[in-house]
């Protein structure tokens, strides 16, 4: 895949981030990647509302031959009721082999938690080389604990997926990745006239750690009171209502 073909910049709305995510899925699938993750890290975000956009895209791609797999029966029922422009096979993670049909060409896996990692790994084996898109996993559940075995299980699971899209707003900026581009760290910076803008201060092949981001922010000066992140948060708040 040509990186220039998909070259994009930090989005200024959740709607744009979703569009970028869908394009990132396309780029990944065209590269032959079967397991892709999408992670939009906003506390206010209602994942089910966002998932509908991906479900619409899957309907366009695969018609009726795909499954949406939910962590719980309530979410599956709400999606079946509210997603009027979607044709899907709505299943639950705990349905095991019944969750993925032989005719399914792809799977959309919506917000599994740490408690379902083993079940999801079995579903991945069942899916084989069919595309699986993981949307907003919730893997830092306190009830699972932070023991070595739990961490290794989560790491093993996460490492099976190529990060197609990742966006995490931070107090001074954001960490962002849109496949096939690398990981980028953006920071709010002010010029000599006091004009505030978001600027990319680093691009890496690997996801930067929290310490890496802190060092980058400390190395660069300038704090702003408004930015693209404000627009993102406003959009998300509106969507959540």
Protein backbone atom coordinates (compact mmCIF):
# COMPACT_ATOMS: atom_id res chain seq x y z
CA UNK A 1 0.00 0.00 0.00
CA UNK A 2 1.31 3.44 -0.88
CA UNK A 3 1.54 5.61 2.24
CA UNK A 4 1.11 8.80 0.20
CA UNK A 5 -2.17 7.52 -1.18
CA UNK A 6 -3.62 7.43 2.32
CA UNK A 7 -1.71 10.38 3.79
CA UNK A 8 -3.94 12.26 6.23
CA UNK A 9 -3.52 14.59 9.19
CA UNK A 10 -4.92 14.72 12.71
CA UNK A 11 -8.74 14.96 12.51
CA UNK A 12 -10.66 17.92 13.89
CA UNK A 13 -13.90 16.01 14.56
CA UNK A 14 -14.98 12.55 15.58
CA UNK A 15 -16.80 12.24 12.26
CA UNK A 16 -13.52 12.79 10.43
CA UNK A 17 -11.75 10.32 12.72
CA UNK A 18 -14.35 7.67 11.88
CA UNK A 19 -13.92 8.32 8.15
CA UNK A 20 -10.16 8.01 8.56
CA UNK A 21 -10.64 4.77 10.50
CA UNK A 22 -12.71 3.25 7.71
CA UNK A 23 -10.07 4.25 5.15
CA UNK A 24 -7.41 2.71 7.39
CA UNK A 25 -9.37 -0.56 7.39
CA UNK A 26 -9.45 -0.44 3.59
CA UNK A 27 -5.69 0.15 3.46
CA UNK A 28 -5.02 -2.70 5.86
CA UNK A 29 -7.25 -5.16 4.03
CA UNK A 30 -5.65 -4.23 0.72
CA UNK A 31 -2.26 -4.98 2.33
CA UNK A 32 -3.45 -8.46 3.23
CA UNK A 33 -3.85 -7.80 6.98
CA UNK A 34 -6.74 -9.81 8.42
CA UNK A 35 -6.81 -8.54 12.03
CA UNK A 36 -7.11 -4.77 12.52
CA UNK A 37 -7.93 -2.71 15.61
CA UNK A 38 -9.63 0.67 15.90
CA UNK A 39 -9.20 2.47 19.22
CA UNK A 40 -10.80 5.86 19.89
CA UNK A 41 -9.85 6.71 23.46
CA UNK A 42 -12.41 9.22 24.66
CA UNK A 43 -14.01 8.76 28.06
CA UNK A 44 -17.32 10.25 26.92
CA UNK A 45 -17.54 8.10 23.82
CA UNK A 46 -20.50 5.78 23.38
CA UNK A 47 -18.97 2.98 21.39
CA UNK A 48 -22.29 1.61 20.15
CA UNK A 49 -23.06 4.90 18.38
CA UNK A 50 -19.65 4.86 16.70
CA UNK A 51 -19.91 1.16 15.85
CA UNK A 52 -22.93 1.86 13.67
CA UNK A 53 -20.72 3.68 11.14
CA UNK A 54 -18.46 0.64 10.87
CA UNK A 55 -21.48 -1.65 10.61
CA UNK A 56 -22.77 0.44 7.71
CA UNK A 57 -19.39 0.11 6.03
CA UNK A 58 -19.38 -3.66 6.55
CA UNK A 59 -22.86 -3.87 5.04
CA UNK A 60 -21.57 -2.07 1.93
CA UNK A 61 -18.53 -4.35 1.75
CA UNK A 62 -20.07 -7.74 2.55
CA UNK A 63 -23.86 -7.42 2.24
CA UNK A 64 -25.46 -9.88 4.67
CA UNK A 65 -22.37 -12.09 4.94
CA UNK A 66 -20.74 -10.72 8.06
CA UNK A 67 -21.20 -10.88 11.83
CA UNK A 68 -21.22 -8.18 14.48
CA UNK A 69 -20.13 -9.70 17.78
CA UNK A 70 -21.02 -7.90 21.01
CA UNK A 71 -19.83 -8.33 24.56
CA UNK A 72 -23.37 -8.55 25.96
CA UNK A 73 -26.93 -9.28 24.92
CA UNK A 74 -28.15 -5.75 25.74
CA UNK A 75 -25.79 -4.10 23.26
CA UNK A 76 -26.71 -6.63 20.57
CA UNK A 77 -30.41 -5.96 21.10
CA UNK A 78 -29.95 -2.16 20.98
CA UNK A 79 -27.97 -2.42 17.75
CA UNK A 80 -30.60 -4.61 16.12
CA UNK A 81 -33.25 -2.08 17.13
CA UNK A 82 -31.44 1.14 16.24
CA UNK A 83 -29.19 0.35 13.26
CA UNK A 84 -31.79 0.78 10.55
CA UNK A 85 -29.29 1.02 7.65
CA UNK A 86 -27.41 -2.13 8.63
CA UNK A 87 -27.88 -5.75 7.62
CA UNK A 88 -25.99 -7.97 10.00
CA UNK A 89 -25.80 -11.16 11.98
CA UNK A 90 -25.74 -9.87 15.58
CA UNK A 91 -24.14 -12.33 18.00
CA UNK A 92 -22.60 -12.41 21.47
CA UNK A 93 -19.06 -13.39 22.37
CA UNK A 94 -20.24 -16.15 24.68
CA UNK A 95 -22.06 -17.95 21.85
CA UNK A 96 -18.81 -19.63 20.88
CA UNK A 97 -18.75 -21.34 17.48
CA UNK A 98 -22.30 -20.15 16.71
CA UNK A 99 -21.08 -16.52 16.69
CA UNK A 100 -19.44 -16.87 13.27
CA UNK A 101 -21.28 -18.53 10.40
CA UNK A 102 -19.60 -20.41 7.53
CA UNK A 103 -20.92 -17.82 5.06
CA UNK A 104 -19.54 -14.84 6.99
CA UNK A 105 -16.81 -13.05 5.06
CA UNK A 106 -15.78 -10.76 7.94
CA UNK A 107 -16.31 -10.04 11.63
CA UNK A 108 -16.76 -6.77 13.53
CA UNK A 109 -15.87 -7.32 17.18
CA UNK A 110 -17.26 -4.56 19.41
CA UNK A 111 -15.68 -3.61 22.76
CA UNK A 112 -14.67 -6.92 24.30
CA UNK A 113 -13.28 -6.73 27.82
CA UNK A 114 -10.37 -8.49 29.49
CA UNK A 115 -12.80 -11.06 30.84
CA UNK A 116 -13.60 -12.24 27.30
CA UNK A 117 -10.08 -12.45 25.90
CA UNK A 118 -9.94 -16.25 25.92
CA UNK A 119 -13.34 -16.51 24.24
CA UNK A 120 -12.32 -13.98 21.61
CA UNK A 121 -9.09 -15.85 20.90
CA UNK A 122 -11.19 -18.93 20.12
CA UNK A 123 -13.34 -16.83 17.79
CA UNK A 124 -10.21 -15.64 16.00
CA UNK A 125 -9.22 -19.25 15.39
CA UNK A 126 -12.71 -19.91 14.03
CA UNK A 127 -12.50 -16.84 11.76
CA UNK A 128 -9.26 -18.12 10.21
CA UNK A 129 -8.01 -15.75 7.53
CA UNK A 130 -11.29 -13.83 7.30
CA UNK A 131 -11.01 -10.13 8.26
CA UNK A 132 -11.66 -9.32 11.92
CA UNK A 133 -11.93 -5.66 12.97
CA UNK A 134 -11.64 -5.00 16.70
CA UNK A 135 -13.39 -1.79 17.79
CA UNK A 136 -12.56 -0.08 21.10
CA UNK A 137 -11.42 -3.04 23.22
CA UNK A 138 -11.71 -2.52 26.98
CA UNK A 139 -8.76 -4.49 28.26
CA UNK A 140 -7.81 -2.63 31.43
CA UNK A 141 -10.62 -3.95 33.58
CA UNK A 142 -9.77 -3.70 37.27
CA UNK A 143 -11.68 -6.87 38.16
CA UNK A 144 -9.28 -8.97 36.10
CA UNK A 145 -6.30 -7.74 38.05
CA UNK A 146 -2.85 -6.67 36.99
CA UNK A 147 -0.99 -9.93 37.54
CA UNK A 148 1.69 -11.16 35.16
CA UNK A 149 -0.54 -13.87 33.67
CA UNK A 150 -3.35 -11.38 32.99
CA UNK A 151 -0.93 -8.91 31.39
CA UNK A 152 0.58 -11.59 29.19
CA UNK A 153 -2.84 -12.77 28.10
CA UNK A 154 -3.85 -9.22 27.10
CA UNK A 155 -0.53 -8.61 25.34
CA UNK A 156 -0.82 -11.86 23.40
CA UNK A 157 -4.31 -10.92 22.32
CA UNK A 158 -3.49 -7.32 21.38
CA UNK A 159 -0.39 -8.37 19.43
CA UNK A 160 -2.55 -10.37 17.05
CA UNK A 161 -3.98 -7.11 15.69
CA UNK A 162 -2.39 -4.47 13.53
CA UNK A 163 -3.35 -1.04 14.85
CA UNK A 164 -5.38 0.40 12.00
CA UNK A 165 -6.42 3.54 13.84
CA UNK A 166 -5.68 4.99 17.28
CA UNK A 167 -6.52 8.38 18.72
CA UNK A 168 -5.93 9.40 22.32
CA UNK A 169 -6.39 13.05 23.33
CA UNK A 170 -4.05 14.21 26.07
CA UNK A 171 -4.04 17.41 28.16
CA UNK A 172 -1.37 18.95 25.91
CA UNK A 173 -1.95 17.12 22.64
CA UNK A 174 -2.68 13.68 21.24
CA UNK A 175 -1.22 10.32 20.24
CA UNK A 176 -2.47 9.23 16.82
CA UNK A 177 -1.97 6.50 14.27
CA UNK A 178 -3.75 6.01 10.95
CA UNK A 179 -2.54 2.99 8.97
CA UNK A 180 -0.33 2.85 6.93
CA UNK A 181 1.22 5.96 8.48
CA UNK A 182 3.39 5.67 11.56
CA UNK A 183 2.57 6.68 15.11
CA UNK A 184 2.49 10.43 15.64
CA UNK A 185 2.64 12.62 18.74
CA UNK A 186 0.91 16.00 18.42
CA UNK A 187 1.16 18.91 20.82
CA UNK A 188 -0.60 22.23 21.32
CA UNK A 189 1.98 24.92 20.61
CA UNK A 190 1.81 28.70 20.45
CA UNK A 191 3.81 30.87 18.05
CA UNK A 192 5.43 34.22 18.89
CA UNK A 193 2.10 35.98 18.34
CA UNK A 194 0.28 33.68 20.73
CA UNK A 195 -1.60 31.78 18.00
CA UNK A 196 -2.27 28.21 19.11
CA UNK A 197 -2.17 25.21 16.80
CA UNK A 198 -1.66 21.47 16.92
CA UNK A 199 1.73 20.41 15.57
CA UNK A 200 3.23 16.99 14.95
CA UNK A 201 6.36 16.78 17.10
CA UNK A 202 7.34 13.14 16.48
CA UNK A 203 6.66 10.19 14.19
CA UNK A 204 7.72 6.65 15.14
CA UNK A 205 7.27 3.11 13.86
CA UNK A 206 6.26 1.86 17.30
CA UNK A 207 3.60 3.13 19.66
CA UNK A 208 5.25 5.67 22.01
CA UNK A 209 5.07 4.96 25.72
CA UNK A 210 3.64 7.40 28.22
CA UNK A 211 7.18 8.31 29.28
CA UNK A 212 8.15 8.92 25.65
CA UNK A 213 5.23 11.31 25.22
CA UNK A 214 6.02 13.14 28.47
CA UNK A 215 9.62 13.66 27.37
CA UNK A 216 8.50 15.00 24.00
CA UNK A 217 6.06 17.42 25.60
CA UNK A 218 8.69 18.66 28.05
CA UNK A 219 11.14 19.17 25.21
CA UNK A 220 8.71 21.47 23.41
CA UNK A 221 7.34 24.63 24.94
CA UNK A 222 3.96 26.28 24.55
CA UNK A 223 0.50 25.65 25.95
CA UNK A 224 -2.78 26.67 24.39
CA UNK A 225 -6.29 27.17 25.67
CA UNK A 226 -8.05 25.94 22.56
CA UNK A 227 -7.20 23.44 19.85
CA UNK A 228 -8.47 20.78 17.53
CA UNK A 229 -9.02 18.69 20.64
CA UNK A 230 -11.71 21.07 21.84
CA UNK A 231 -13.63 20.45 18.62
CA UNK A 232 -13.23 16.72 19.06
CA UNK A 233 -14.55 16.84 22.60
CA UNK A 234 -17.52 19.00 21.57
CA UNK A 235 -18.41 16.59 18.79
CA UNK A 236 -18.18 13.59 21.11
CA UNK A 237 -20.33 15.26 23.76
CA UNK A 238 -22.99 15.98 21.15
CA UNK A 239 -22.91 12.39 19.94
CA UNK A 240 -23.21 11.06 23.48
CA UNK A 241 -26.42 12.97 24.18
